[in-house]
C-alpha cells in the first residue's frame, strides 16, 4: 500500500467521522439519559447566572425575582424533559400519583436515587409526607 493510498484512506475515514457528527440540538433526547455533566460545569453555569442577575438589578427584591424566574424556567424545562423520557406516557392528575412520580422518577433523575419515604399522614387526610435523608460523604 503506497503512502498516497494510506493518506486517502485516513482522510476518508476522518471525513466520515466528521460527517457522522451531529449537532447537540439534533441529538435524540433518550440517548443522553445516562450522560452526566461534571459538577464544575454546573457550578460555573450557576456562577454565571448569579453574576448576570446581579449586574441587572437595583435591589435585593429584584435579584430574588430574577433568580426565581431563572429557577422557574429551568425547572419547567427539566420537568418537561423528565416526563418526556419517562416510559409511562400517562399524565397523572391525582395528587398522590404526582407525589409518587416526584418520589421516584424526579428524585432519581436529580439525585441518583429515590426519596426515602412517601407516607400519607395519619392525622390529616389531605397531607402526605416526603421524607428526605441527606447524607454527605
N, C-alpha and C. Protein backbone atom coordinates (compact mmCIF):
# COMPACT_ATOMS: atom_id res chain seq x y z
N UNK A 1 0.85 -1.18 0.00
CA UNK A 1 0.00 0.00 0.00
C UNK A 1 0.89 1.24 0.00
N UNK A 2 0.69 2.11 -0.94
CA UNK A 2 1.54 3.30 -1.04
C UNK A 2 1.10 4.34 -0.03
N UNK A 3 1.98 5.33 0.14
CA UNK A 3 1.70 6.37 1.13
C UNK A 3 0.50 7.21 0.72
N UNK A 4 0.31 7.46 -0.57
CA UNK A 4 -0.84 8.25 -1.03
C UNK A 4 -2.15 7.54 -0.74
N UNK A 5 -2.16 6.21 -0.91
CA UNK A 5 -3.39 5.49 -0.63
C UNK A 5 -3.67 5.46 0.87
N UNK A 6 -2.60 5.40 1.70
CA UNK A 6 -2.80 5.46 3.16
C UNK A 6 -3.38 6.80 3.57
N UNK A 7 -2.84 7.87 2.98
CA UNK A 7 -3.34 9.21 3.32
C UNK A 7 -4.79 9.35 2.89
N UNK A 8 -5.12 8.86 1.71
CA UNK A 8 -6.50 8.98 1.26
C UNK A 8 -7.44 8.13 2.11
N UNK A 9 -6.99 6.96 2.58
CA UNK A 9 -7.86 6.16 3.45
C UNK A 9 -8.04 6.83 4.80
N UNK A 10 -6.97 7.48 5.32
CA UNK A 10 -7.08 8.21 6.58
C UNK A 10 -8.01 9.41 6.40
N UNK A 11 -7.86 10.13 5.29
CA UNK A 11 -8.73 11.27 5.04
C UNK A 11 -10.18 10.83 4.89
N UNK A 12 -10.39 9.75 4.18
CA UNK A 12 -11.78 9.32 4.00
C UNK A 12 -12.40 8.86 5.32
N UNK A 13 -11.60 8.21 6.18
CA UNK A 13 -12.15 7.82 7.48
C UNK A 13 -12.39 9.04 8.35
N UNK A 14 -11.52 10.05 8.28
CA UNK A 14 -11.74 11.28 9.04
C UNK A 14 -12.96 12.03 8.51
N UNK A 15 -13.13 12.03 7.19
CA UNK A 15 -14.30 12.70 6.60
C UNK A 15 -15.59 12.03 7.06
N UNK A 16 -15.60 10.70 7.13
CA UNK A 16 -16.82 10.03 7.58
C UNK A 16 -17.08 10.33 9.05
N UNK A 17 -16.02 10.46 9.84
CA UNK A 17 -16.22 10.82 11.24
C UNK A 17 -16.82 12.22 11.36
N UNK A 18 -16.33 13.14 10.52
CA UNK A 18 -16.86 14.49 10.56
C UNK A 18 -18.31 14.54 10.08
N UNK A 19 -18.62 13.74 9.10
CA UNK A 19 -19.97 13.72 8.58
C UNK A 19 -20.94 13.12 9.60
N UNK A 20 -20.49 12.12 10.36
CA UNK A 20 -21.35 11.45 11.32
C UNK A 20 -21.63 12.29 12.57
N UNK A 21 -20.82 13.30 12.83
CA UNK A 21 -21.05 14.15 13.99
C UNK A 21 -22.33 14.94 13.81
N UNK A 22 -23.17 14.89 14.83
CA UNK A 22 -24.47 15.55 14.76
C UNK A 22 -24.48 16.66 15.81
N UNK A 23 -25.12 17.74 15.50
CA UNK A 23 -25.24 18.86 16.43
C UNK A 23 -25.96 18.40 17.70
N UNK A 24 -25.62 19.00 18.81
CA UNK A 24 -26.25 18.64 20.09
C UNK A 24 -27.75 18.92 20.06
N UNK A 25 -28.16 19.89 19.26
CA UNK A 25 -29.58 20.21 19.15
C UNK A 25 -30.33 19.10 18.42
N UNK A 26 -29.66 18.42 17.51
CA UNK A 26 -30.31 17.40 16.69
C UNK A 26 -30.21 16.00 17.30
N UNK A 27 -29.52 15.85 18.42
CA UNK A 27 -29.39 14.53 19.04
C UNK A 27 -30.70 14.06 19.65
N UNK A 28 -30.86 12.75 19.73
CA UNK A 28 -32.03 12.16 20.34
C UNK A 28 -31.95 12.36 21.85
N UNK A 29 -33.02 12.82 22.47
CA UNK A 29 -33.02 13.12 23.90
C UNK A 29 -32.89 11.86 24.75
N UNK A 30 -33.36 10.72 24.27
CA UNK A 30 -33.28 9.49 25.06
C UNK A 30 -31.85 8.96 25.14
N UNK A 31 -31.01 9.22 24.16
CA UNK A 31 -29.66 8.69 24.17
C UNK A 31 -28.76 9.40 25.17
N UNK A 32 -29.12 10.59 25.61
CA UNK A 32 -28.28 11.31 26.56
C UNK A 32 -28.75 11.12 28.00
N UNK A 33 -29.65 10.16 28.22
CA UNK A 33 -30.23 9.97 29.54
C UNK A 33 -29.17 9.62 30.59
N UNK A 34 -28.22 8.76 30.25
CA UNK A 34 -27.21 8.35 31.22
C UNK A 34 -25.99 9.25 31.25
N UNK A 35 -25.91 10.20 30.33
CA UNK A 35 -24.76 11.09 30.28
C UNK A 35 -24.77 12.02 31.48
N UNK A 36 -23.60 12.25 32.01
CA UNK A 36 -23.50 13.12 33.17
C UNK A 36 -22.64 14.31 32.84
N UNK A 37 -22.96 15.42 33.45
CA UNK A 37 -22.18 16.63 33.30
C UNK A 37 -21.48 16.86 34.63
N UNK A 38 -20.24 17.27 34.57
CA UNK A 38 -19.46 17.47 35.77
C UNK A 38 -20.03 18.54 36.69
N UNK A 39 -19.77 18.38 37.96
CA UNK A 39 -20.24 19.34 38.96
C UNK A 39 -19.63 20.71 38.71
N UNK A 40 -18.40 20.74 38.21
CA UNK A 40 -17.75 22.01 37.90
C UNK A 40 -18.49 22.80 36.84
N UNK A 41 -19.05 22.10 35.85
CA UNK A 41 -19.82 22.77 34.80
C UNK A 41 -21.08 23.40 35.37
N UNK A 42 -21.76 22.66 36.27
CA UNK A 42 -22.94 23.23 36.91
C UNK A 42 -22.58 24.42 37.79
N UNK A 43 -21.47 24.31 38.52
CA UNK A 43 -21.04 25.41 39.38
C UNK A 43 -20.70 26.64 38.55
N UNK A 44 -20.03 26.45 37.42
CA UNK A 44 -19.70 27.57 36.55
C UNK A 44 -20.97 28.22 35.99
N UNK A 45 -21.91 27.40 35.52
CA UNK A 45 -23.16 27.92 34.98
C UNK A 45 -23.94 28.69 36.05
N UNK A 46 -24.00 28.15 37.25
CA UNK A 46 -24.70 28.81 38.35
C UNK A 46 -24.02 30.14 38.68
N UNK A 47 -22.71 30.14 38.71
CA UNK A 47 -21.97 31.37 39.00
C UNK A 47 -22.23 32.43 37.94
N UNK A 48 -22.23 32.03 36.68
CA UNK A 48 -22.50 32.98 35.59
C UNK A 48 -23.93 33.51 35.66
N UNK A 49 -24.88 32.66 36.01
CA UNK A 49 -26.27 33.11 36.14
C UNK A 49 -26.40 34.13 37.27
N UNK A 50 -25.72 33.88 38.39
CA UNK A 50 -25.75 34.82 39.51
C UNK A 50 -25.14 36.16 39.12
N UNK A 51 -23.99 36.12 38.46
CA UNK A 51 -23.33 37.36 38.05
C UNK A 51 -24.21 38.12 37.06
N UNK A 52 -24.81 37.42 36.13
CA UNK A 52 -25.70 38.04 35.15
C UNK A 52 -26.86 38.73 35.85
N UNK A 53 -27.44 38.03 36.82
CA UNK A 53 -28.59 38.60 37.53
C UNK A 53 -28.18 39.80 38.39
N UNK A 54 -27.03 39.70 39.05
CA UNK A 54 -26.60 40.78 39.93
C UNK A 54 -26.29 42.07 39.17
N UNK A 55 -25.81 41.94 37.95
CA UNK A 55 -25.45 43.13 37.17
C UNK A 55 -26.68 43.87 36.66
N UNK A 56 -27.83 43.22 36.64
CA UNK A 56 -29.01 43.82 36.02
C UNK A 56 -30.14 44.12 37.01
N UNK A 57 -29.80 44.24 38.28
CA UNK A 57 -30.83 44.53 39.28
C UNK A 57 -30.43 45.75 40.10
N UNK A 58 -31.42 46.33 40.79
CA UNK A 58 -31.16 47.52 41.61
C UNK A 58 -31.37 47.27 43.10
N UNK A 59 -31.93 46.14 43.45
CA UNK A 59 -32.17 45.84 44.86
C UNK A 59 -32.27 44.35 45.09
N UNK A 60 -32.38 43.98 46.35
CA UNK A 60 -32.42 42.56 46.70
C UNK A 60 -33.71 41.91 46.21
N UNK A 61 -34.82 42.67 46.22
CA UNK A 61 -36.08 42.09 45.73
C UNK A 61 -36.01 41.81 44.23
N UNK A 62 -35.36 42.70 43.48
CA UNK A 62 -35.18 42.46 42.05
C UNK A 62 -34.33 41.21 41.80
N UNK A 63 -33.28 41.06 42.61
CA UNK A 63 -32.41 39.87 42.47
C UNK A 63 -33.19 38.60 42.78
N UNK A 64 -33.98 38.62 43.86
CA UNK A 64 -34.79 37.45 44.21
C UNK A 64 -35.78 37.11 43.10
N UNK A 65 -36.41 38.13 42.52
CA UNK A 65 -37.37 37.90 41.45
C UNK A 65 -36.67 37.33 40.22
N UNK A 66 -35.51 37.87 39.86
CA UNK A 66 -34.79 37.39 38.68
C UNK A 66 -34.33 35.95 38.88
N UNK A 67 -33.80 35.62 40.06
CA UNK A 67 -33.37 34.25 40.33
C UNK A 67 -34.57 33.30 40.36
N UNK A 68 -35.70 33.78 40.88
CA UNK A 68 -36.92 32.99 40.87
C UNK A 68 -37.36 32.69 39.44
N UNK A 69 -37.26 33.69 38.57
CA UNK A 69 -37.61 33.49 37.16
C UNK A 69 -36.68 32.47 36.50
N UNK A 70 -35.37 32.57 36.79
CA UNK A 70 -34.41 31.59 36.26
C UNK A 70 -34.78 30.18 36.71
N UNK A 71 -35.04 30.04 38.01
CA UNK A 71 -35.36 28.73 38.55
C UNK A 71 -36.64 28.15 37.97
N UNK A 72 -37.63 29.00 37.78
CA UNK A 72 -38.89 28.54 37.21
C UNK A 72 -38.69 28.03 35.79
N UNK A 73 -37.95 28.79 34.98
CA UNK A 73 -37.73 28.39 33.59
C UNK A 73 -36.90 27.11 33.49
N UNK A 74 -35.86 26.99 34.31
CA UNK A 74 -35.04 25.78 34.29
C UNK A 74 -35.85 24.59 34.79
N UNK A 75 -36.62 24.80 35.86
CA UNK A 75 -37.41 23.73 36.44
C UNK A 75 -38.49 23.19 35.51
N UNK A 76 -39.17 24.09 34.82
CA UNK A 76 -40.22 23.62 33.91
C UNK A 76 -39.63 22.85 32.74
N UNK A 77 -38.48 23.29 32.24
CA UNK A 77 -37.85 22.58 31.13
C UNK A 77 -37.32 21.23 31.58
N UNK A 78 -36.75 21.18 32.78
CA UNK A 78 -36.26 19.90 33.29
C UNK A 78 -37.41 18.93 33.53
N UNK A 79 -38.49 19.41 34.10
CA UNK A 79 -39.66 18.56 34.33
C UNK A 79 -40.24 18.06 33.02
N UNK A 80 -40.28 18.92 32.02
CA UNK A 80 -40.77 18.52 30.71
C UNK A 80 -39.89 17.41 30.11
N UNK A 81 -38.59 17.53 30.27
CA UNK A 81 -37.67 16.50 29.77
C UNK A 81 -37.83 15.19 30.53
N UNK A 82 -37.99 15.26 31.85
CA UNK A 82 -38.18 14.05 32.67
C UNK A 82 -39.46 13.34 32.28
N UNK A 83 -40.54 14.08 32.11
CA UNK A 83 -41.82 13.48 31.72
C UNK A 83 -41.72 12.87 30.33
N UNK A 84 -41.03 13.54 29.42
CA UNK A 84 -40.89 13.03 28.06
C UNK A 84 -40.07 11.74 28.03
N UNK A 85 -39.03 11.66 28.88
CA UNK A 85 -38.19 10.46 28.92
C UNK A 85 -38.85 9.30 29.66
N UNK A 86 -39.80 9.61 30.51
CA UNK A 86 -40.45 8.57 31.31
C UNK A 86 -41.20 7.61 30.40
N UNK A 87 -41.08 6.33 30.69
CA UNK A 87 -41.72 5.30 29.86
C UNK A 87 -43.24 5.35 29.98
N UNK A 88 -43.74 5.75 31.13
CA UNK A 88 -45.17 5.83 31.36
C UNK A 88 -45.69 7.12 30.73
N UNK A 89 -46.43 7.01 29.65
CA UNK A 89 -46.89 8.20 28.94
C UNK A 89 -48.20 8.75 29.52
N UNK A 90 -48.69 8.14 30.59
CA UNK A 90 -49.94 8.59 31.20
C UNK A 90 -49.69 9.87 32.02
N UNK A 91 -50.51 10.86 31.81
CA UNK A 91 -50.40 12.10 32.57
C UNK A 91 -51.14 11.94 33.88
N UNK A 92 -50.43 12.12 34.97
CA UNK A 92 -51.02 11.92 36.29
C UNK A 92 -51.74 13.18 36.73
N UNK A 93 -52.97 13.03 37.21
CA UNK A 93 -53.76 14.17 37.67
C UNK A 93 -54.10 14.08 39.15
N UNK A 94 -53.93 12.92 39.75
CA UNK A 94 -54.21 12.77 41.18
C UNK A 94 -53.00 13.24 41.98
N UNK A 95 -53.23 13.85 43.13
CA UNK A 95 -52.15 14.39 43.96
C UNK A 95 -51.21 13.27 44.41
N UNK A 96 -51.76 12.16 44.86
CA UNK A 96 -50.93 11.06 45.33
C UNK A 96 -50.07 10.49 44.20
N UNK A 97 -50.63 10.41 43.00
CA UNK A 97 -49.87 9.94 41.85
C UNK A 97 -48.73 10.89 41.49
N UNK A 98 -49.00 12.19 41.58
CA UNK A 98 -47.97 13.19 41.30
C UNK A 98 -46.86 13.11 42.35
N UNK A 99 -47.24 12.95 43.62
CA UNK A 99 -46.23 12.81 44.67
C UNK A 99 -45.39 11.55 44.48
N UNK A 100 -46.03 10.47 44.05
CA UNK A 100 -45.28 9.24 43.79
C UNK A 100 -44.31 9.45 42.62
N UNK A 101 -44.73 10.18 41.60
CA UNK A 101 -43.86 10.49 40.46
C UNK A 101 -42.65 11.30 40.93
N UNK A 102 -42.87 12.27 41.82
CA UNK A 102 -41.76 13.06 42.38
C UNK A 102 -40.87 12.17 43.22
N UNK A 103 -41.49 11.30 44.04
CA UNK A 103 -40.75 10.39 44.92
C UNK A 103 -39.83 9.47 44.15
N UNK A 104 -40.26 8.99 43.01
CA UNK A 104 -39.46 8.00 42.27
C UNK A 104 -38.69 8.64 41.12
N UNK A 105 -39.37 9.08 40.10
CA UNK A 105 -38.72 9.48 38.85
C UNK A 105 -37.94 10.78 38.97
N UNK A 106 -38.59 11.81 39.48
CA UNK A 106 -37.92 13.12 39.55
C UNK A 106 -36.73 13.07 40.50
N UNK A 107 -36.94 12.48 41.67
CA UNK A 107 -35.86 12.42 42.66
C UNK A 107 -34.68 11.60 42.13
N UNK A 108 -34.97 10.51 41.46
CA UNK A 108 -33.90 9.67 40.91
C UNK A 108 -33.13 10.41 39.82
N UNK A 109 -33.82 11.19 39.00
CA UNK A 109 -33.16 11.96 37.96
C UNK A 109 -32.27 13.04 38.57
N UNK A 110 -32.75 13.71 39.59
CA UNK A 110 -31.99 14.82 40.18
C UNK A 110 -30.85 14.36 41.07
N UNK A 111 -31.09 13.33 41.90
CA UNK A 111 -30.12 12.97 42.93
C UNK A 111 -29.56 11.56 42.80
N UNK A 112 -29.99 10.80 41.79
CA UNK A 112 -29.43 9.47 41.59
C UNK A 112 -30.09 8.36 42.39
N UNK A 113 -31.06 8.68 43.22
CA UNK A 113 -31.79 7.66 43.98
C UNK A 113 -33.17 8.19 44.34
N UNK A 114 -34.05 7.27 44.70
CA UNK A 114 -35.40 7.68 45.09
C UNK A 114 -35.37 8.38 46.43
N UNK A 115 -36.39 9.18 46.70
CA UNK A 115 -36.54 9.77 48.03
C UNK A 115 -36.79 8.64 49.02
N UNK A 116 -36.49 8.86 50.27
CA UNK A 116 -36.51 7.78 51.24
C UNK A 116 -37.91 7.21 51.48
N UNK A 117 -38.85 8.03 51.85
CA UNK A 117 -40.21 7.51 52.08
C UNK A 117 -41.26 8.51 51.65
N UNK A 118 -42.38 7.98 51.25
CA UNK A 118 -43.56 8.79 50.94
C UNK A 118 -44.69 8.19 51.77
N UNK A 119 -45.20 8.96 52.72
CA UNK A 119 -46.22 8.44 53.63
C UNK A 119 -47.44 9.35 53.62
N UNK A 120 -48.58 8.74 53.79
CA UNK A 120 -49.82 9.50 53.96
C UNK A 120 -49.98 9.80 55.45
N UNK A 121 -50.31 11.02 55.77
CA UNK A 121 -50.43 11.44 57.16
C UNK A 121 -51.59 10.72 57.84
N UNK A 122 -51.39 10.34 59.09
CA UNK A 122 -52.46 9.69 59.85
C UNK A 122 -53.35 10.74 60.53
N UNK A 123 -52.81 11.94 60.74
CA UNK A 123 -53.56 12.99 61.43
C UNK A 123 -54.54 13.69 60.49
N UNK A 124 -54.05 14.09 59.33
CA UNK A 124 -54.89 14.80 58.36
C UNK A 124 -54.97 14.00 57.07
N UNK A 125 -56.16 13.91 56.53
CA UNK A 125 -56.36 13.11 55.33
C UNK A 125 -55.73 13.75 54.10
N UNK A 126 -55.59 15.08 54.12
CA UNK A 126 -55.08 15.80 52.95
C UNK A 126 -53.58 16.02 52.99
N UNK A 127 -52.84 15.37 53.88
CA UNK A 127 -51.40 15.57 54.00
C UNK A 127 -50.64 14.32 53.60
N UNK A 128 -49.54 14.55 52.91
CA UNK A 128 -48.58 13.48 52.60
C UNK A 128 -47.21 13.96 53.01
N UNK A 129 -46.36 13.04 53.41
CA UNK A 129 -45.03 13.38 53.89
C UNK A 129 -44.00 12.71 52.99
N UNK A 130 -43.09 13.51 52.47
CA UNK A 130 -41.99 13.02 51.66
C UNK A 130 -40.73 13.20 52.49
N UNK A 131 -40.23 12.09 53.06
CA UNK A 131 -39.03 12.15 53.90
C UNK A 131 -37.79 12.14 53.04
N UNK A 132 -36.88 13.01 53.38
CA UNK A 132 -35.62 13.12 52.66
C UNK A 132 -34.51 13.06 53.69
N UNK A 133 -33.63 12.10 53.54
CA UNK A 133 -32.47 11.99 54.40
C UNK A 133 -31.25 12.32 53.55
N UNK A 134 -30.54 13.36 53.94
CA UNK A 134 -29.38 13.79 53.16
C UNK A 134 -28.12 13.30 53.87
N UNK A 135 -27.31 12.56 53.13
CA UNK A 135 -26.05 12.05 53.67
C UNK A 135 -24.91 12.64 52.85
N UNK A 136 -23.96 13.23 53.53
CA UNK A 136 -22.78 13.77 52.85
C UNK A 136 -21.62 12.81 53.08
N UNK A 137 -20.91 12.51 52.00
CA UNK A 137 -19.76 11.61 52.18
C UNK A 137 -18.47 12.35 52.09
